[in-house]
């Protein structure tokens, strides 16, 4: 999964424009978060098909300012789940620099050490025989 960052004017309809462009490309937005209150906002969207989303956004004059691979972990919906995951990552010496919640009780993590993050959280590991 990829996290795309789109800088938008912080005004009514900005999220709708992004969501419309991405959905017109047939790409599902699995999560979204917006930061930086003020005149401009940084919108993060989680998508499985970054190239199609990037293309659709470009056609709509909405530029992706950055994109990065992230780790998506299925989580139990109970107290302490995020704390347990974050502690594992911290004990491995990995700094989390992005976190938000996605659909279906999933947590999205970003870190400079993406491979280390995957290993600690057990994402992308081969299935046991």
C-alpha atoms as a PDB file:
ATOM      1  CA  UNK A   1       0.000   0.000   0.000  1.00  0.00           C
ATOM      2  CA  UNK A   2       1.129   3.524  -0.688  1.00  0.00           C
ATOM      3  CA  UNK A   3       0.585   6.742   1.215  1.00  0.00           C
ATOM      4  CA  UNK A   4       0.140   9.666  -1.161  1.00  0.00           C
ATOM      5  CA  UNK A   5       0.440  13.231   0.082  1.00  0.00           C
ATOM      6  CA  UNK A   6      -1.544  15.896  -1.728  1.00  0.00           C
ATOM      7  CA  UNK A   7      -1.238  19.534  -0.733  1.00  0.00           C
ATOM      8  CA  UNK A   8      -4.623  21.221  -1.091  1.00  0.00           C
ATOM      9  CA  UNK A   9      -6.201  24.570  -0.352  1.00  0.00           C
ATOM     10  CA  UNK A  10      -7.813  24.251   3.066  1.00  0.00           C
ATOM     11  CA  UNK A  11     -11.356  25.050   1.939  1.00  0.00           C
ATOM     12  CA  UNK A  12     -14.733  23.344   1.570  1.00  0.00           C
ATOM     13  CA  UNK A  13     -14.681  20.793  -1.241  1.00  0.00           C
ATOM     14  CA  UNK A  14     -10.932  20.085  -1.222  1.00  0.00           C
ATOM     15  CA  UNK A  15     -11.337  16.549   0.113  1.00  0.00           C
ATOM     16  CA  UNK A  16     -14.283  15.944  -2.213  1.00  0.00           C
ATOM     17  CA  UNK A  17     -12.171  16.916  -5.244  1.00  0.00           C
ATOM     18  CA  UNK A  18      -9.400  14.490  -4.283  1.00  0.00           C
ATOM     19  CA  UNK A  19     -11.823  11.659  -3.464  1.00  0.00           C
ATOM     20  CA  UNK A  20     -13.737  12.199  -6.700  1.00  0.00           C
ATOM     21  CA  UNK A  21     -10.603  12.158  -8.858  1.00  0.00           C
ATOM     22  CA  UNK A  22      -9.295   8.973  -7.234  1.00  0.00           C
ATOM     23  CA  UNK A  23     -12.640   7.179  -7.362  1.00  0.00           C
ATOM     24  CA  UNK A  24     -13.053   8.111 -11.041  1.00  0.00           C
ATOM     25  CA  UNK A  25      -9.830   6.164 -11.647  1.00  0.00           C
ATOM     26  CA  UNK A  26     -11.433   3.146  -9.973  1.00  0.00           C
ATOM     27  CA  UNK A  27      -9.052   3.324  -7.019  1.00  0.00           C
ATOM     28  CA  UNK A  28     -10.324   2.774  -3.490  1.00  0.00           C
ATOM     29  CA  UNK A  29      -9.146   5.114  -0.752  1.00  0.00           C
ATOM     30  CA  UNK A  30      -8.550   2.833   2.222  1.00  0.00           C
ATOM     31  CA  UNK A  31      -7.756   5.677   4.636  1.00  0.00           C
ATOM     32  CA  UNK A  32      -7.307   9.423   4.745  1.00  0.00           C
ATOM     33  CA  UNK A  33      -5.997  11.977   7.182  1.00  0.00           C
ATOM     34  CA  UNK A  34      -5.493  15.703   6.913  1.00  0.00           C
ATOM     35  CA  UNK A  35      -2.986  17.839   8.787  1.00  0.00           C
ATOM     36  CA  UNK A  36      -1.722  21.412   8.918  1.00  0.00           C
ATOM     37  CA  UNK A  37      -4.619  23.729   9.634  1.00  0.00           C
ATOM     38  CA  UNK A  38      -4.271  27.047   7.833  1.00  0.00           C
ATOM     39  CA  UNK A  39      -4.537  28.143   4.212  1.00  0.00           C
ATOM     40  CA  UNK A  40      -2.963  24.934   2.880  1.00  0.00           C
ATOM     41  CA  UNK A  41      -3.443  21.409   4.203  1.00  0.00           C
ATOM     42  CA  UNK A  42      -1.543  18.179   3.742  1.00  0.00           C
ATOM     43  CA  UNK A  43      -3.902  15.348   2.843  1.00  0.00           C
ATOM     44  CA  UNK A  44      -2.628  11.775   3.145  1.00  0.00           C
ATOM     45  CA  UNK A  45      -4.526   8.998   1.372  1.00  0.00           C
ATOM     46  CA  UNK A  46      -3.837   5.276   1.497  1.00  0.00           C
ATOM     47  CA  UNK A  47      -4.280   3.571  -1.870  1.00  0.00           C
ATOM     48  CA  UNK A  48      -3.416   0.163  -3.335  1.00  0.00           C
ATOM     49  CA  UNK A  49      -2.765   1.547  -6.839  1.00  0.00           C
ATOM     50  CA  UNK A  50      -0.620   4.667  -6.578  1.00  0.00           C
ATOM     51  CA  UNK A  51       0.097   5.072 -10.287  1.00  0.00           C
ATOM     52  CA  UNK A  52      -3.592   5.200 -11.265  1.00  0.00           C
ATOM     53  CA  UNK A  53      -4.428   7.538  -8.391  1.00  0.00           C
ATOM     54  CA  UNK A  54      -1.465   9.827  -9.206  1.00  0.00           C
ATOM     55  CA  UNK A  55      -2.516   9.972 -12.867  1.00  0.00           C
ATOM     56  CA  UNK A  56      -6.154  10.778 -12.023  1.00  0.00           C
ATOM     57  CA  UNK A  57      -5.114  13.472  -9.572  1.00  0.00           C
ATOM     58  CA  UNK A  58      -2.808  15.026 -12.176  1.00  0.00           C
ATOM     59  CA  UNK A  59      -5.618  15.202 -14.709  1.00  0.00           C
ATOM     60  CA  UNK A  60      -7.667  17.048 -12.066  1.00  0.00           C
ATOM     61  CA  UNK A  61      -4.814  19.512 -11.431  1.00  0.00           C
ATOM     62  CA  UNK A  62      -4.158  17.993  -8.005  1.00  0.00           C
ATOM     63  CA  UNK A  63      -0.509  17.115  -7.595  1.00  0.00           C
ATOM     64  CA  UNK A  64       0.883  14.367  -5.408  1.00  0.00           C
ATOM     65  CA  UNK A  65       3.663  16.099  -3.476  1.00  0.00           C
ATOM     66  CA  UNK A  66       5.121  12.860  -2.098  1.00  0.00           C
ATOM     67  CA  UNK A  67       4.464   9.152  -1.959  1.00  0.00           C
ATOM     68  CA  UNK A  68       5.870   6.372   0.122  1.00  0.00           C
ATOM     69  CA  UNK A  69       5.378   2.751   0.936  1.00  0.00           C
ATOM     70  CA  UNK A  70       3.753   2.211   4.312  1.00  0.00           C
ATOM     71  CA  UNK A  71       3.060  -0.797   6.505  1.00  0.00           C
ATOM     72  CA  UNK A  72      -0.592  -1.672   7.120  1.00  0.00           C
ATOM     73  CA  UNK A  73      -1.345  -3.925  10.079  1.00  0.00           C
ATOM     74  CA  UNK A  74      -4.662  -5.508  10.996  1.00  0.00           C
ATOM     75  CA  UNK A  75      -5.465  -4.650  14.594  1.00  0.00           C
ATOM     76  CA  UNK A  76      -7.856  -5.906  17.220  1.00  0.00           C
ATOM     77  CA  UNK A  77     -10.342  -3.247  18.286  1.00  0.00           C
ATOM     78  CA  UNK A  78      -9.433  -3.262  21.956  1.00  0.00           C
ATOM     79  CA  UNK A  79      -7.506  -1.155  24.476  1.00  0.00           C
ATOM     80  CA  UNK A  80      -3.734  -1.465  24.301  1.00  0.00           C
ATOM     81  CA  UNK A  81      -3.464  -2.752  20.734  1.00  0.00           C
ATOM     82  CA  UNK A  82      -1.737   0.361  19.376  1.00  0.00           C
ATOM     83  CA  UNK A  83       0.429   0.578  22.495  1.00  0.00           C
ATOM     84  CA  UNK A  84       1.613  -3.010  21.995  1.00  0.00           C
ATOM     85  CA  UNK A  85       2.476  -2.441  18.331  1.00  0.00           C
ATOM     86  CA  UNK A  86       4.238   0.854  19.050  1.00  0.00           C
ATOM     87  CA  UNK A  87       6.245  -0.727  21.891  1.00  0.00           C
ATOM     88  CA  UNK A  88       7.492  -3.518  19.577  1.00  0.00           C
ATOM     89  CA  UNK A  89       8.628  -0.951  17.051  1.00  0.00           C
ATOM     90  CA  UNK A  90      10.304   1.192  19.703  1.00  0.00           C
ATOM     91  CA  UNK A  91      12.115  -1.814  21.189  1.00  0.00           C
ATOM     92  CA  UNK A  92      13.539  -2.480  17.711  1.00  0.00           C
ATOM     93  CA  UNK A  93      14.892   1.082  17.651  1.00  0.00           C
ATOM     94  CA  UNK A  94      12.668   2.162  14.754  1.00  0.00           C
ATOM     95  CA  UNK A  95      11.187   5.650  14.744  1.00  0.00           C
ATOM     96  CA  UNK A  96       7.565   5.877  13.553  1.00  0.00           C
ATOM     97  CA  UNK A  97       7.073   9.098  11.595  1.00  0.00           C
ATOM     98  CA  UNK A  98       3.528   8.499  10.326  1.00  0.00           C
ATOM     99  CA  UNK A  99       0.538   6.717  11.842  1.00  0.00           C
ATOM    100  CA  UNK A 100      -3.183   6.749  11.146  1.00  0.00           C
ATOM    101  CA  UNK A 101      -6.108   4.337  11.189  1.00  0.00           C
ATOM    102  CA  UNK A 102      -7.559   2.797   8.030  1.00  0.00           C
ATOM    103  CA  UNK A 103     -10.779   0.986   7.253  1.00  0.00           C
ATOM    104  CA  UNK A 104     -11.458  -2.437   8.800  1.00  0.00           C
ATOM    105  CA  UNK A 105      -9.429  -1.844  12.001  1.00  0.00           C
ATOM    106  CA  UNK A 106      -6.096  -1.451  10.262  1.00  0.00           C
ATOM    107  CA  UNK A 107      -3.268   0.786  11.403  1.00  0.00           C
ATOM    108  CA  UNK A 108      -0.971   2.508   8.899  1.00  0.00           C
ATOM    109  CA  UNK A 109       2.649   3.044   9.915  1.00  0.00           C
ATOM    110  CA  UNK A 110       5.421   4.921   8.159  1.00  0.00           C
ATOM    111  CA  UNK A 111       9.102   4.902   9.041  1.00  0.00           C
ATOM    112  CA  UNK A 112      12.400   5.552   7.337  1.00  0.00           C
ATOM    113  CA  UNK A 113      13.323   1.903   7.998  1.00  0.00           C
ATOM    114  CA  UNK A 114      10.358   0.363   6.166  1.00  0.00           C
ATOM    115  CA  UNK A 115      11.927  -3.105   5.922  1.00  0.00           C
ATOM    116  CA  UNK A 116      12.687  -3.131   9.658  1.00  0.00           C
ATOM    117  CA  UNK A 117       9.141  -1.974  10.370  1.00  0.00           C
ATOM    118  CA  UNK A 118       7.736  -4.801   8.238  1.00  0.00           C
ATOM    119  CA  UNK A 119       9.890  -7.349  10.057  1.00  0.00           C
ATOM    120  CA  UNK A 120       8.946  -6.134  13.545  1.00  0.00           C
ATOM    121  CA  UNK A 121       5.233  -6.019  12.752  1.00  0.00           C
ATOM    122  CA  UNK A 122       5.238  -9.311  10.830  1.00  0.00           C
ATOM    123  CA  UNK A 123       4.022  -7.804   7.567  1.00  0.00           C
ATOM    124  CA  UNK A 124       5.034  -9.399   4.297  1.00  0.00           C
ATOM    125  CA  UNK A 125       6.605 -12.413   5.985  1.00  0.00           C
ATOM    126  CA  UNK A 126       6.184 -15.754   4.235  1.00  0.00           C
ATOM    127  CA  UNK A 127       3.278 -17.858   5.458  1.00  0.00           C
ATOM    128  CA  UNK A 128       4.261 -20.730   7.748  1.00  0.00           C
ATOM    129  CA  UNK A 129       4.474 -24.115   6.010  1.00  0.00           C
END
